[in-house]
Amino acid sequence: MEIRINISQTEIWEKPFLCHEFSNRSCQKFVYPLETRILLYILLSVSSIVTIIGNLLVIITVIHFKQLHTATNYLILSLAVADLLVGGVVMPPSMLRSIETCWYLGDLFCKIHSSLDVTLSTASILNLCIISLDRYYAICHPFQYHSKMTSLATLVMIIICWSVSAALGFGMIFMELNILGVEDFYYENIKCDGGCTLFQSKAGAPIFSLICFYGPAFVMLCVYLKILHAAQRQVQAIQSVNSEFKKEGKATKTLAIVIGVFLTFWIPFFLCLLIDPYIGYSVPPLLFDLFYWVGYYNSTCNPLVYAFFYSWFRHAFRIILSKAIFQTNSSRTILL
């Protein structure tokens, strides 16, 4: 009798947890200890709140202060909107998925969430591509800059950036282009109740990664190498002729750091996404989830980069946080 009880207890202990106990297509569930779950909820909630507040400050700063109504800052505004949406729309459902290790929000919302995830990350890198072109004209062709980078031209580029990102994100997920050609394998071996992951076929992974990350990253790096080469040749002239060039150089350095941070935070995820189909989809889900969050934290860091390197952003932040923004003519404040 004692032996039977022990065997039964062992079978119960070894039985894997499931997202949906009464479904024969349920994903397996990893259960964190209660203390770990509470700690993760606090940490990830704070990350989401900091991301929202930081990018909201950037958005308010650029919109409110007339001094900042420039082509470059409109591009920063567009990037901050993408980062704000990552913090407010993408991070909270991802937090539930990461901590509960299951997706309980339904298949439709899974598709919407995955589409927004792809759209916003793609919008970020395309915005950075446009920013690199803006810096290229400002440094390498300063006399053509104001004729090329007009407010209308900037607006058109931002609209194109977001349209392409949305078409790619929602088109790929809802038209199931990511599983094209391997539908049977996906539904028989990968798809399960309680799961919500970004699956890519062997053919789709390199194409998706190239369009969303590697291609634009290569373009940005090439553009910045040209900018760096031109800046080194012109450094003496820039310092002695016009102080405005110094400001352009400062902006270029800061935005180069933003791009460097972006690449550093997203490379682990896109490397895993690229190689996973070729190693039998053997990358552990927890590792994938970790790299997801490393990528998300890029949206948290961007406002910190602006605040650290731009004195006029720090001045604007102080005005906003002190509520002096509500004073008459505060929008015409000269930010040092």
C-alpha atoms as a PDB file:
ATOM      1  CA  MET A   1       0.000   0.000   0.000  1.00  0.00           C
ATOM      2  CA  GLU A   2       2.848   2.376   0.927  1.00  0.00           C
ATOM      3  CA  ILE A   3       4.653   1.586  -2.335  1.00  0.00           C
ATOM      4  CA  ARG A   4       1.561   2.457  -4.421  1.00  0.00           C
ATOM      5  CA  ILE A   5       1.238   5.829  -2.682  1.00  0.00           C
ATOM      6  CA  ASN A   6       4.873   6.644  -3.350  1.00  0.00           C
ATOM      7  CA  ILE A   7       4.556   5.678  -7.012  1.00  0.00           C
ATOM      8  CA  SER A   8       1.428   7.796  -7.391  1.00  0.00           C
ATOM      9  CA  GLN A   9       3.110  10.772  -5.748  1.00  0.00           C
ATOM     10  CA  THR A  10       6.130  10.386  -8.026  1.00  0.00           C
ATOM     11  CA  GLU A  11       3.930  10.307 -11.126  1.00  0.00           C
ATOM     12  CA  ILE A  12       2.127  13.475  -9.982  1.00  0.00           C
ATOM     13  CA  TRP A  13       5.439  15.222  -9.275  1.00  0.00           C
ATOM     14  CA  GLU A  14       6.924  14.290 -12.656  1.00  0.00           C
ATOM     15  CA  LYS A  15       3.807  15.173 -14.625  1.00  0.00           C
ATOM     16  CA  PRO A  16       4.508  18.434 -16.523  1.00  0.00           C
ATOM     17  CA  PHE A  17       2.362  21.484 -15.881  1.00  0.00           C
ATOM     18  CA  LEU A  18       0.086  22.475 -18.752  1.00  0.00           C
ATOM     19  CA  CYS A  19      -1.339  25.833 -19.791  1.00  0.00           C
ATOM     20  CA  HIS A  20      -4.757  24.210 -20.305  1.00  0.00           C
ATOM     21  CA  GLU A  21      -5.182  21.014 -18.305  1.00  0.00           C
ATOM     22  CA  PHE A  22      -8.163  19.722 -20.266  1.00  0.00           C
ATOM     23  CA  SER A  23      -6.734  20.297 -23.738  1.00  0.00           C
ATOM     24  CA  ASN A  24      -4.802  17.610 -25.557  1.00  0.00           C
ATOM     25  CA  ARG A  25      -3.061  20.373 -27.551  1.00  0.00           C
ATOM     26  CA  SER A  26      -1.900  22.375 -24.542  1.00  0.00           C
ATOM     27  CA  CYS A  27       1.562  23.932 -24.291  1.00  0.00           C
ATOM     28  CA  GLN A  28       3.702  23.001 -21.313  1.00  0.00           C
ATOM     29  CA  LYS A  29       3.872  25.527 -18.488  1.00  0.00           C
ATOM     30  CA  PHE A  30       6.892  26.416 -16.377  1.00  0.00           C
ATOM     31  CA  VAL A  31       5.833  27.503 -12.898  1.00  0.00           C
ATOM     32  CA  TYR A  32       8.071  30.020 -11.125  1.00  0.00           C
ATOM     33  CA  PRO A  33       8.122  30.110  -7.308  1.00  0.00           C
ATOM     34  CA  LEU A  34       5.721  32.698  -5.889  1.00  0.00           C
ATOM     35  CA  GLU A  35       8.528  34.976  -4.677  1.00  0.00           C
ATOM     36  CA  THR A  36      10.157  34.951  -8.134  1.00  0.00           C
ATOM     37  CA  ARG A  37       6.865  35.748  -9.824  1.00  0.00           C
ATOM     38  CA  ILE A  38       6.207  38.723  -7.532  1.00  0.00           C
ATOM     39  CA  LEU A  39       9.739  40.023  -8.091  1.00  0.00           C
ATOM     40  CA  LEU A  40       9.394  39.662 -11.879  1.00  0.00           C
ATOM     41  CA  TYR A  41       6.019  41.422 -11.904  1.00  0.00           C
ATOM     42  CA  ILE A  42       7.518  44.349  -9.964  1.00  0.00           C
ATOM     43  CA  LEU A  43      10.645  44.535 -12.153  1.00  0.00           C
ATOM     44  CA  LEU A  44       8.848  44.306 -15.506  1.00  0.00           C
ATOM     45  CA  SER A  45       6.042  46.648 -14.417  1.00  0.00           C
ATOM     46  CA  VAL A  46       8.603  49.267 -13.395  1.00  0.00           C
ATOM     47  CA  SER A  47      10.370  48.775 -16.744  1.00  0.00           C
ATOM     48  CA  SER A  48       7.120  49.414 -18.606  1.00  0.00           C
ATOM     49  CA  ILE A  49       6.303  52.502 -16.509  1.00  0.00           C
ATOM     50  CA  VAL A  50       9.816  53.968 -16.919  1.00  0.00           C
ATOM     51  CA  THR A  51       9.631  53.377 -20.682  1.00  0.00           C
ATOM     52  CA  ILE A  52       6.270  55.156 -20.905  1.00  0.00           C
ATOM     53  CA  ILE A  53       7.273  58.117 -18.721  1.00  0.00           C
ATOM     54  CA  GLY A  54      10.686  58.614 -20.380  1.00  0.00           C
ATOM     55  CA  ASN A  55       9.335  58.625 -23.911  1.00  0.00           C
ATOM     56  CA  LEU A  56       6.313  60.713 -22.923  1.00  0.00           C
ATOM     57  CA  LEU A  57       8.723  63.373 -21.642  1.00  0.00           C
ATOM     58  CA  VAL A  58      10.553  63.316 -24.982  1.00  0.00           C
ATOM     59  CA  ILE A  59       7.271  63.644 -26.897  1.00  0.00           C
ATOM     60  CA  ILE A  60       6.012  66.538 -24.749  1.00  0.00           C
ATOM     61  CA  THR A  61       9.396  68.264 -24.996  1.00  0.00           C
ATOM     62  CA  VAL A  62       9.553  68.183 -28.798  1.00  0.00           C
ATOM     63  CA  ILE A  63       5.898  69.151 -29.263  1.00  0.00           C
ATOM     64  CA  HIS A  64       5.780  71.941 -26.666  1.00  0.00           C
ATOM     65  CA  PHE A  65       9.027  73.866 -27.125  1.00  0.00           C
ATOM     66  CA  LYS A  66       9.134  75.794 -30.395  1.00  0.00           C
ATOM     67  CA  GLN A  67      12.934  75.832 -30.376  1.00  0.00           C
ATOM     68  CA  LEU A  68      12.852  72.060 -30.925  1.00  0.00           C
ATOM     69  CA  HIS A  69      10.598  72.140 -34.001  1.00  0.00           C
ATOM     70  CA  THR A  70      13.283  70.904 -36.392  1.00  0.00           C
ATOM     71  CA  ALA A  71      13.481  68.025 -38.868  1.00  0.00           C
ATOM     72  CA  THR A  72      15.855  66.017 -36.675  1.00  0.00           C
ATOM     73  CA  ASN A  73      13.662  66.417 -33.602  1.00  0.00           C
ATOM     74  CA  TYR A  74      10.531  65.409 -35.519  1.00  0.00           C
ATOM     75  CA  LEU A  75      12.337  62.155 -36.312  1.00  0.00           C
ATOM     76  CA  ILE A  76      13.225  61.783 -32.628  1.00  0.00           C
ATOM     77  CA  LEU A  77       9.535  62.402 -31.882  1.00  0.00           C
ATOM     78  CA  SER A  78       8.524  59.593 -34.256  1.00  0.00           C
ATOM     79  CA  LEU A  79      11.033  57.246 -32.626  1.00  0.00           C
ATOM     80  CA  ALA A  80       9.770  58.199 -29.150  1.00  0.00           C
ATOM     81  CA  VAL A  81       6.181  57.409 -30.197  1.00  0.00           C
ATOM     82  CA  ALA A  82       7.285  53.919 -31.276  1.00  0.00           C
ATOM     83  CA  ASP A  83       9.150  53.439 -27.989  1.00  0.00           C
ATOM     84  CA  LEU A  84       6.179  54.732 -25.972  1.00  0.00           C
ATOM     85  CA  LEU A  85       3.891  52.194 -27.653  1.00  0.00           C
ATOM     86  CA  VAL A  86       6.394  49.429 -26.907  1.00  0.00           C
ATOM     87  CA  GLY A  87       6.220  50.350 -23.220  1.00  0.00           C
ATOM     88  CA  GLY A  88       2.466  50.845 -23.075  1.00  0.00           C
ATOM     89  CA  VAL A  89       1.074  48.302 -25.540  1.00  0.00           C
ATOM     90  CA  VAL A  90       3.660  45.554 -26.100  1.00  0.00           C
ATOM     91  CA  MET A  91       5.383  45.199 -22.722  1.00  0.00           C
ATOM     92  CA  PRO A  92       2.330  44.525 -20.452  1.00  0.00           C
ATOM     93  CA  PRO A  93       0.983  41.488 -22.391  1.00  0.00           C
ATOM     94  CA  SER A  94       4.570  40.258 -22.859  1.00  0.00           C
ATOM     95  CA  MET A  95       5.016  40.500 -19.085  1.00  0.00           C
ATOM     96  CA  LEU A  96       2.039  38.191 -18.516  1.00  0.00           C
ATOM     97  CA  ARG A  97       3.356  35.746 -21.118  1.00  0.00           C
ATOM     98  CA  SER A  98       6.876  35.775 -19.689  1.00  0.00           C
ATOM     99  CA  ILE A  99       5.923  35.282 -16.046  1.00  0.00           C
ATOM    100  CA  GLU A 100       2.993  32.912 -16.491  1.00  0.00           C
ATOM    101  CA  THR A 101       4.883  31.163 -19.377  1.00  0.00           C
ATOM    102  CA  CYS A 102       1.545  30.811 -21.139  1.00  0.00           C
ATOM    103  CA  TRP A 103      -0.635  33.042 -23.283  1.00  0.00           C
ATOM    104  CA  TYR A 104      -4.161  33.377 -21.864  1.00  0.00           C
ATOM    105  CA  LEU A 105      -5.391  36.323 -23.977  1.00  0.00           C
ATOM    106  CA  GLY A 106      -6.665  34.370 -26.984  1.00  0.00           C
ATOM    107  CA  ASP A 107      -5.401  33.656 -30.497  1.00  0.00           C
ATOM    108  CA  LEU A 108      -6.717  36.889 -32.033  1.00  0.00           C
ATOM    109  CA  PHE A 109      -4.978  39.107 -29.481  1.00  0.00           C
ATOM    110  CA  CYS A 110      -1.844  36.979 -29.886  1.00  0.00           C
ATOM    111  CA  LYS A 111      -1.803  37.900 -33.576  1.00  0.00           C
ATOM    112  CA  ILE A 112      -2.469  41.569 -32.803  1.00  0.00           C
ATOM    113  CA  HIS A 113       0.259  41.622 -30.155  1.00  0.00           C
ATOM    114  CA  SER A 114       2.791  39.890 -32.434  1.00  0.00           C
ATOM    115  CA  SER A 115       1.896  42.271 -35.274  1.00  0.00           C
ATOM    116  CA  LEU A 116       2.387  45.317 -33.032  1.00  0.00           C
ATOM    117  CA  ASP A 117       5.662  43.874 -31.771  1.00  0.00           C
ATOM    118  CA  VAL A 118       7.018  43.492 -35.324  1.00  0.00           C
ATOM    119  CA  THR A 119       5.555  46.833 -36.445  1.00  0.00           C
ATOM    120  CA  LEU A 120       7.055  48.878 -33.595  1.00  0.00           C
ATOM    121  CA  SER A 121      10.511  47.283 -33.704  1.00  0.00           C
ATOM    122  CA  THR A 122      10.598  47.781 -37.480  1.00  0.00           C
ATOM    123  CA  ALA A 123       9.389  51.382 -37.102  1.00  0.00           C
ATOM    124  CA  SER A 124      12.216  52.019 -34.637  1.00  0.00           C
ATOM    125  CA  ILE A 125      14.962  50.868 -36.967  1.00  0.00           C
ATOM    126  CA  LEU A 126      13.443  52.595 -40.016  1.00  0.00           C
ATOM    127  CA  ASN A 127      13.185  55.824 -38.017  1.00  0.00           C
ATOM    128  CA  LEU A 128      16.846  55.406 -37.128  1.00  0.00           C
ATOM    129  CA  CYS A 129      17.630  54.893 -40.828  1.00  0.00           C
ATOM    130  CA  ILE A 130      15.958  58.208 -41.630  1.00  0.00           C
ATOM    131  CA  ILE A 131      17.798  59.865 -38.747  1.00  0.00           C
ATOM    132  CA  SER A 132      21.115  58.609 -40.157  1.00  0.00           C
ATOM    133  CA  LEU A 133      20.252  60.145 -43.541  1.00  0.00           C
ATOM    134  CA  ASP A 134      19.323  63.390 -41.798  1.00  0.00           C
ATOM    135  CA  ARG A 135      22.720  63.473 -40.081  1.00  0.00           C
ATOM    136  CA  TYR A 136      24.441  62.612 -43.385  1.00  0.00           C
ATOM    137  CA  TYR A 137      23.014  65.667 -45.116  1.00  0.00           C
ATOM    138  CA  ALA A 138      23.615  67.890 -42.073  1.00  0.00           C
ATOM    139  CA  ILE A 139      27.325  66.996 -41.874  1.00  0.00           C
ATOM    140  CA  CYS A 140      28.329  66.058 -45.428  1.00  0.00           C
ATOM    141  CA  HIS A 141      26.081  68.467 -47.367  1.00  0.00           C
ATOM    142  CA  PRO A 142      25.314  71.298 -44.934  1.00  0.00           C
ATOM    143  CA  PHE A 143      24.402  73.824 -47.647  1.00  0.00           C
ATOM    144  CA  GLN A 144      21.799  71.445 -49.137  1.00  0.00           C
ATOM    145  CA  TYR A 145      20.458  70.313 -45.776  1.00  0.00           C
ATOM    146  CA  HIS A 146      17.670  72.855 -45.274  1.00  0.00           C
ATOM    147  CA  SER A 147      16.467  72.469 -48.856  1.00  0.00           C
ATOM    148  CA  LYS A 148      16.439  68.652 -48.654  1.00  0.00           C
ATOM    149  CA  MET A 149      15.217  68.014 -45.090  1.00  0.00           C
ATOM    150  CA  THR A 150      12.143  70.233 -45.033  1.00  0.00           C
ATOM    151  CA  SER A 151       9.255  69.665 -42.629  1.00  0.00           C
ATOM    152  CA  LEU A 152       7.166  68.244 -45.498  1.00  0.00           C
ATOM    153  CA  ALA A 153       9.933  65.858 -46.583  1.00  0.00           C
ATOM    154  CA  THR A 154      10.367  64.725 -42.985  1.00  0.00           C
ATOM    155  CA  LEU A 155       6.618  64.141 -42.594  1.00  0.00           C
ATOM    156  CA  VAL A 156       6.489  62.089 -45.811  1.00  0.00           C
ATOM    157  CA  MET A 157       9.416  59.924 -44.675  1.00  0.00           C
ATOM    158  CA  ILE A 158       7.803  59.339 -41.273  1.00  0.00           C
ATOM    159  CA  ILE A 159       4.499  58.318 -42.919  1.00  0.00           C
ATOM    160  CA  ILE A 160       6.330  55.929 -45.257  1.00  0.00           C
ATOM    161  CA  CYS A 161       8.286  54.487 -42.324  1.00  0.00           C
ATOM    162  CA  TRP A 162       5.156  53.715 -40.302  1.00  0.00           C
ATOM    163  CA  SER A 163       3.179  52.464 -43.309  1.00  0.00           C
ATOM    164  CA  VAL A 164       5.893  50.004 -44.334  1.00  0.00           C
ATOM    165  CA  SER A 165       6.299  48.822 -40.732  1.00  0.00           C
ATOM    166  CA  ALA A 166       2.555  48.255 -40.261  1.00  0.00           C
ATOM    167  CA  ALA A 167       2.207  46.504 -43.623  1.00  0.00           C
ATOM    168  CA  LEU A 168       5.086  44.185 -42.761  1.00  0.00           C
ATOM    169  CA  GLY A 169       3.989  43.490 -39.182  1.00  0.00           C
ATOM    170  CA  PHE A 170       0.278  42.939 -39.714  1.00  0.00           C
ATOM    171  CA  GLY A 171       0.656  41.487 -43.213  1.00  0.00           C
ATOM    172  CA  MET A 172       3.158  38.843 -42.164  1.00  0.00           C
ATOM    173  CA  ILE A 173       1.197  37.674 -39.109  1.00  0.00           C
ATOM    174  CA  PHE A 174      -2.389  37.810 -40.389  1.00  0.00           C
ATOM    175  CA  MET A 175      -1.523  36.417 -43.841  1.00  0.00           C
ATOM    176  CA  GLU A 176       0.704  33.817 -42.134  1.00  0.00           C
ATOM    177  CA  LEU A 177       3.640  34.561 -44.405  1.00  0.00           C
ATOM    178  CA  ASN A 178       5.977  33.507 -41.580  1.00  0.00           C
ATOM    179  CA  ILE A 179       4.808  29.871 -41.886  1.00  0.00           C
ATOM    180  CA  LEU A 180       4.428  29.827 -45.672  1.00  0.00           C
ATOM    181  CA  GLY A 181       5.427  26.397 -47.009  1.00  0.00           C
ATOM    182  CA  VAL A 182       5.656  24.730 -43.585  1.00  0.00           C
ATOM    183  CA  GLU A 183       2.052  25.048 -42.441  1.00  0.00           C
ATOM    184  CA  ASP A 184       1.665  21.340 -41.677  1.00  0.00           C
ATOM    185  CA  PHE A 185       4.852  21.216 -39.618  1.00  0.00           C
ATOM    186  CA  TYR A 186       3.860  24.347 -37.701  1.00  0.00           C
ATOM    187  CA  TYR A 187       0.343  23.187 -36.768  1.00  0.00           C
ATOM    188  CA  GLU A 188       1.469  19.643 -35.931  1.00  0.00           C
ATOM    189  CA  ASN A 189       4.687  20.375 -34.006  1.00  0.00           C
ATOM    190  CA  ILE A 190       4.801  24.016 -32.904  1.00  0.00           C
ATOM    191  CA  LYS A 191       1.273  25.378 -32.488  1.00  0.00           C
ATOM    192  CA  CYS A 192      -0.303  24.588 -29.119  1.00  0.00           C
ATOM    193  CA  ASP A 193      -2.980  26.026 -26.822  1.00  0.00           C
ATOM    194  CA  GLY A 194      -1.505  28.685 -24.566  1.00  0.00           C
ATOM    195  CA  GLY A 195       1.425  29.591 -26.791  1.00  0.00           C
ATOM    196  CA  CYS A 196       2.181  32.879 -28.550  1.00  0.00           C
ATOM    197  CA  THR A 197       5.592  32.976 -30.196  1.00  0.00           C
ATOM    198  CA  LEU A 198       6.986  34.519 -33.366  1.00  0.00           C
ATOM    199  CA  PHE A 199       7.659  31.455 -35.522  1.00  0.00           C
ATOM    200  CA  GLN A 200       9.706  31.745 -38.717  1.00  0.00           C
ATOM    201  CA  SER A 201      10.257  29.127 -41.427  1.00  0.00           C
ATOM    202  CA  LYS A 202      13.728  28.429 -42.862  1.00  0.00           C
ATOM    203  CA  ALA A 203      12.864  30.571 -45.872  1.00  0.00           C
ATOM    204  CA  GLY A 204      11.126  33.301 -43.886  1.00  0.00           C
ATOM    205  CA  ALA A 205      13.701  33.810 -41.116  1.00  0.00           C
ATOM    206  CA  PRO A 206      16.511  35.239 -43.278  1.00  0.00           C
ATOM    207  CA  ILE A 207      14.106  37.371 -45.354  1.00  0.00           C
ATOM    208  CA  PHE A 208      12.338  38.778 -42.301  1.00  0.00           C
ATOM    209  CA  SER A 209      15.616  39.412 -40.445  1.00  0.00           C
ATOM    210  CA  LEU A 210      17.156  41.049 -43.504  1.00  0.00           C
ATOM    211  CA  ILE A 211      14.227  43.429 -44.042  1.00  0.00           C
ATOM    212  CA  CYS A 212      13.604  44.285 -40.388  1.00  0.00           C
ATOM    213  CA  PHE A 213      17.107  44.383 -39.002  1.00  0.00           C
ATOM    214  CA  TYR A 214      20.235  43.403 -40.914  1.00  0.00           C
ATOM    215  CA  GLY A 215      19.518  45.400 -44.084  1.00  0.00           C
ATOM    216  CA  PRO A 216      18.645  48.688 -42.365  1.00  0.00           C
ATOM    217  CA  ALA A 217      21.458  48.189 -39.832  1.00  0.00           C
ATOM    218  CA  PHE A 218      23.969  47.761 -42.666  1.00  0.00           C
ATOM    219  CA  VAL A 219      22.696  50.936 -44.339  1.00  0.00           C
ATOM    220  CA  MET A 220      22.973  52.891 -41.087  1.00  0.00           C
ATOM    221  CA  LEU A 221      26.492  51.687 -40.401  1.00  0.00           C
ATOM    222  CA  CYS A 222      27.609  52.609 -43.935  1.00  0.00           C
ATOM    223  CA  VAL A 223      26.060  56.058 -43.661  1.00  0.00           C
ATOM    224  CA  TYR A 224      27.684  56.698 -40.293  1.00  0.00           C
ATOM    225  CA  LEU A 225      31.079  55.567 -41.563  1.00  0.00           C
ATOM    226  CA  LYS A 226      30.736  58.174 -44.307  1.00  0.00           C
ATOM    227  CA  ILE A 227      29.687  60.778 -41.752  1.00  0.00           C
ATOM    228  CA  LEU A 228      32.633  59.904 -39.517  1.00  0.00           C
ATOM    229  CA  HIS A 229      35.070  60.130 -42.431  1.00  0.00           C
ATOM    230  CA  ALA A 230      33.652  63.501 -43.526  1.00  0.00           C
ATOM    231  CA  ALA A 231      33.648  64.842 -39.963  1.00  0.00           C
ATOM    232  CA  GLN A 232      37.297  63.901 -39.459  1.00  0.00           C
ATOM    233  CA  ARG A 233      38.295  65.737 -42.641  1.00  0.00           C
ATOM    234  CA  GLN A 234      36.272  68.808 -41.728  1.00  0.00           C
ATOM    235  CA  VAL A 235      36.918  68.968 -37.975  1.00  0.00           C
ATOM    236  CA  GLN A 236      39.299  71.949 -38.095  1.00  0.00           C
ATOM    237  CA  ALA A 237      37.034  73.917 -40.421  1.00  0.00           C
ATOM    238  CA  ILE A 238      34.000  73.087 -38.335  1.00  0.00           C
ATOM    239  CA  GLN A 239      35.605  74.357 -35.153  1.00  0.00           C
ATOM    240  CA  SER A 240      36.890  77.599 -36.664  1.00  0.00           C
ATOM    241  CA  VAL A 241      34.152  78.612 -39.100  1.00  0.00           C
ATOM    242  CA  ASN A 242      30.770  78.082 -37.556  1.00  0.00           C
ATOM    243  CA  SER A 243      29.596  77.052 -34.095  1.00  0.00           C
ATOM    244  CA  GLU A 244      26.440  75.644 -35.684  1.00  0.00           C
ATOM    245  CA  PHE A 245      28.529  72.799 -37.085  1.00  0.00           C
ATOM    246  CA  LYS A 246      29.557  71.938 -33.532  1.00  0.00           C
ATOM    247  CA  LYS A 247      25.892  71.431 -32.623  1.00  0.00           C
ATOM    248  CA  GLU A 248      25.446  69.184 -35.672  1.00  0.00           C
ATOM    249  CA  GLY A 249      28.473  67.168 -34.614  1.00  0.00           C
ATOM    250  CA  LYS A 250      27.072  66.780 -31.104  1.00  0.00           C
ATOM    251  CA  ALA A 251      23.719  65.641 -32.471  1.00  0.00           C
ATOM    252  CA  THR A 252      25.461  63.198 -34.797  1.00  0.00           C
ATOM    253  CA  LYS A 253      27.475  61.703 -31.926  1.00  0.00           C
ATOM    254  CA  THR A 254      24.387  61.344 -29.742  1.00  0.00           C
ATOM    255  CA  LEU A 255      22.288  59.722 -32.465  1.00  0.00           C
ATOM    256  CA  ALA A 256      25.175  57.388 -33.301  1.00  0.00           C
ATOM    257  CA  ILE A 257      25.081  56.242 -29.667  1.00  0.00           C
ATOM    258  CA  VAL A 258      21.312  55.721 -29.951  1.00  0.00           C
ATOM    259  CA  ILE A 259      21.893  53.510 -32.988  1.00  0.00           C
ATOM    260  CA  GLY A 260      24.698  51.644 -31.240  1.00  0.00           C
ATOM    261  CA  VAL A 261      22.420  50.972 -28.271  1.00  0.00           C
ATOM    262  CA  PHE A 262      19.671  49.776 -30.636  1.00  0.00           C
ATOM    263  CA  LEU A 263      21.971  47.323 -32.418  1.00  0.00           C
ATOM    264  CA  THR A 264      23.429  46.020 -29.158  1.00  0.00           C
ATOM    265  CA  PHE A 265      20.026  45.373 -27.604  1.00  0.00           C
ATOM    266  CA  TRP A 266      18.411  43.721 -30.652  1.00  0.00           C
ATOM    267  CA  ILE A 267      21.286  41.636 -32.085  1.00  0.00           C
ATOM    268  CA  PRO A 268      20.822  38.704 -29.610  1.00  0.00           C
ATOM    269  CA  PHE A 269      17.147  38.310 -30.520  1.00  0.00           C
ATOM    270  CA  PHE A 270      17.634  38.534 -34.285  1.00  0.00           C
ATOM    271  CA  LEU A 271      20.584  36.129 -34.179  1.00  0.00           C
ATOM    272  CA  CYS A 272      18.431  33.556 -32.360  1.00  0.00           C
ATOM    273  CA  LEU A 273      15.532  34.167 -34.730  1.00  0.00           C
ATOM    274  CA  LEU A 274      17.821  33.632 -37.724  1.00  0.00           C
ATOM    275  CA  ILE A 275      19.538  30.421 -36.572  1.00  0.00           C
ATOM    276  CA  ASP A 276      16.612  28.764 -34.746  1.00  0.00           C
ATOM    277  CA  PRO A 277      14.985  27.227 -37.874  1.00  0.00           C
ATOM    278  CA  TYR A 278      18.342  25.723 -38.913  1.00  0.00           C
ATOM    279  CA  ILE A 279      18.977  23.981 -35.579  1.00  0.00           C
ATOM    280  CA  GLY A 280      15.578  22.314 -35.368  1.00  0.00           C
ATOM    281  CA  TYR A 281      13.891  25.091 -33.351  1.00  0.00           C
ATOM    282  CA  SER A 282      15.968  24.097 -30.337  1.00  0.00           C
ATOM    283  CA  VAL A 283      16.572  27.550 -28.837  1.00  0.00           C
ATOM    284  CA  PRO A 284      15.026  27.330 -25.322  1.00  0.00           C
ATOM    285  CA  PRO A 285      11.817  29.383 -25.006  1.00  0.00           C
ATOM    286  CA  LEU A 286      13.109  31.045 -21.830  1.00  0.00           C
ATOM    287  CA  LEU A 287      16.212  32.255 -23.699  1.00  0.00           C
ATOM    288  CA  PHE A 288      14.057  33.603 -26.521  1.00  0.00           C
ATOM    289  CA  ASP A 289      11.927  35.380 -23.941  1.00  0.00           C
ATOM    290  CA  LEU A 290      14.995  36.887 -22.295  1.00  0.00           C
ATOM    291  CA  PHE A 291      16.235  38.258 -25.628  1.00  0.00           C
ATOM    292  CA  TYR A 292      12.760  39.665 -26.318  1.00  0.00           C
ATOM    293  CA  TRP A 293      13.044  41.735 -23.155  1.00  0.00           C
ATOM    294  CA  VAL A 294      16.629  42.786 -23.893  1.00  0.00           C
ATOM    295  CA  GLY A 295      15.265  44.196 -27.166  1.00  0.00           C
ATOM    296  CA  TYR A 296      12.371  45.916 -25.411  1.00  0.00           C
ATOM    297  CA  TYR A 297      14.787  47.669 -23.066  1.00  0.00           C
ATOM    298  CA  ASN A 298      16.153  49.580 -26.038  1.00  0.00           C
ATOM    299  CA  SER A 299      12.923  51.593 -25.875  1.00  0.00           C
ATOM    300  CA  THR A 300      13.635  52.279 -22.204  1.00  0.00           C
ATOM    301  CA  CYS A 301      17.190  53.467 -22.848  1.00  0.00           C
ATOM    302  CA  ASN A 302      16.622  55.945 -25.696  1.00  0.00           C
ATOM    303  CA  PRO A 303      15.186  58.765 -23.512  1.00  0.00           C
ATOM    304  CA  LEU A 304      18.034  58.228 -21.032  1.00  0.00           C
ATOM    305  CA  VAL A 305      20.532  58.753 -23.859  1.00  0.00           C
ATOM    306  CA  TYR A 306      18.834  62.023 -24.846  1.00  0.00           C
ATOM    307  CA  ALA A 307      18.748  63.214 -21.220  1.00  0.00           C
ATOM    308  CA  PHE A 308      22.389  62.343 -20.670  1.00  0.00           C
ATOM    309  CA  PHE A 309      23.851  63.915 -23.811  1.00  0.00           C
ATOM    310  CA  TYR A 310      21.498  66.838 -24.575  1.00  0.00           C
ATOM    311  CA  SER A 311      21.615  69.682 -22.039  1.00  0.00           C
ATOM    312  CA  TRP A 312      18.532  71.263 -23.613  1.00  0.00           C
ATOM    313  CA  PHE A 313      16.569  68.033 -23.116  1.00  0.00           C
ATOM    314  CA  ARG A 314      17.582  68.018 -19.457  1.00  0.00           C
ATOM    315  CA  HIS A 315      16.479  71.653 -19.171  1.00  0.00           C
ATOM    316  CA  ALA A 316      13.141  70.799 -20.822  1.00  0.00           C
ATOM    317  CA  PHE A 317      12.632  67.814 -18.519  1.00  0.00           C
ATOM    318  CA  ARG A 318      13.160  70.038 -15.468  1.00  0.00           C
ATOM    319  CA  ILE A 319      10.631  72.558 -16.769  1.00  0.00           C
ATOM    320  CA  ILE A 320       8.061  69.820 -17.384  1.00  0.00           C
ATOM    321  CA  LEU A 321       8.588  68.071 -14.047  1.00  0.00           C
ATOM    322  CA  SER A 322       8.441  71.388 -12.135  1.00  0.00           C
ATOM    323  CA  LYS A 323       5.107  72.182 -13.865  1.00  0.00           C
ATOM    324  CA  ALA A 324       6.572  75.425 -15.221  1.00  0.00           C
ATOM    325  CA  ILE A 325       5.370  74.201 -18.598  1.00  0.00           C
ATOM    326  CA  PHE A 326       1.906  75.548 -17.670  1.00  0.00           C
ATOM    327  CA  GLN A 327       3.162  79.112 -17.427  1.00  0.00           C
ATOM    328  CA  THR A 328       2.356  81.637 -20.152  1.00  0.00           C
ATOM    329  CA  ASN A 329       4.752  81.564 -23.119  1.00  0.00           C
ATOM    330  CA  SER A 330       6.680  78.597 -21.678  1.00  0.00           C
ATOM    331  CA  SER A 331       6.766  77.147 -25.195  1.00  0.00           C
ATOM    332  CA  ARG A 332       9.106  79.992 -26.210  1.00  0.00           C
ATOM    333  CA  THR A 333      11.628  79.198 -23.479  1.00  0.00           C
ATOM    334  CA  ILE A 334      15.192  79.142 -24.785  1.00  0.00           C
ATOM    335  CA  LEU A 335      16.676  75.771 -23.871  1.00  0.00           C
ATOM    336  CA  LEU A 336      20.438  75.906 -23.298  1.00  0.00           C
END
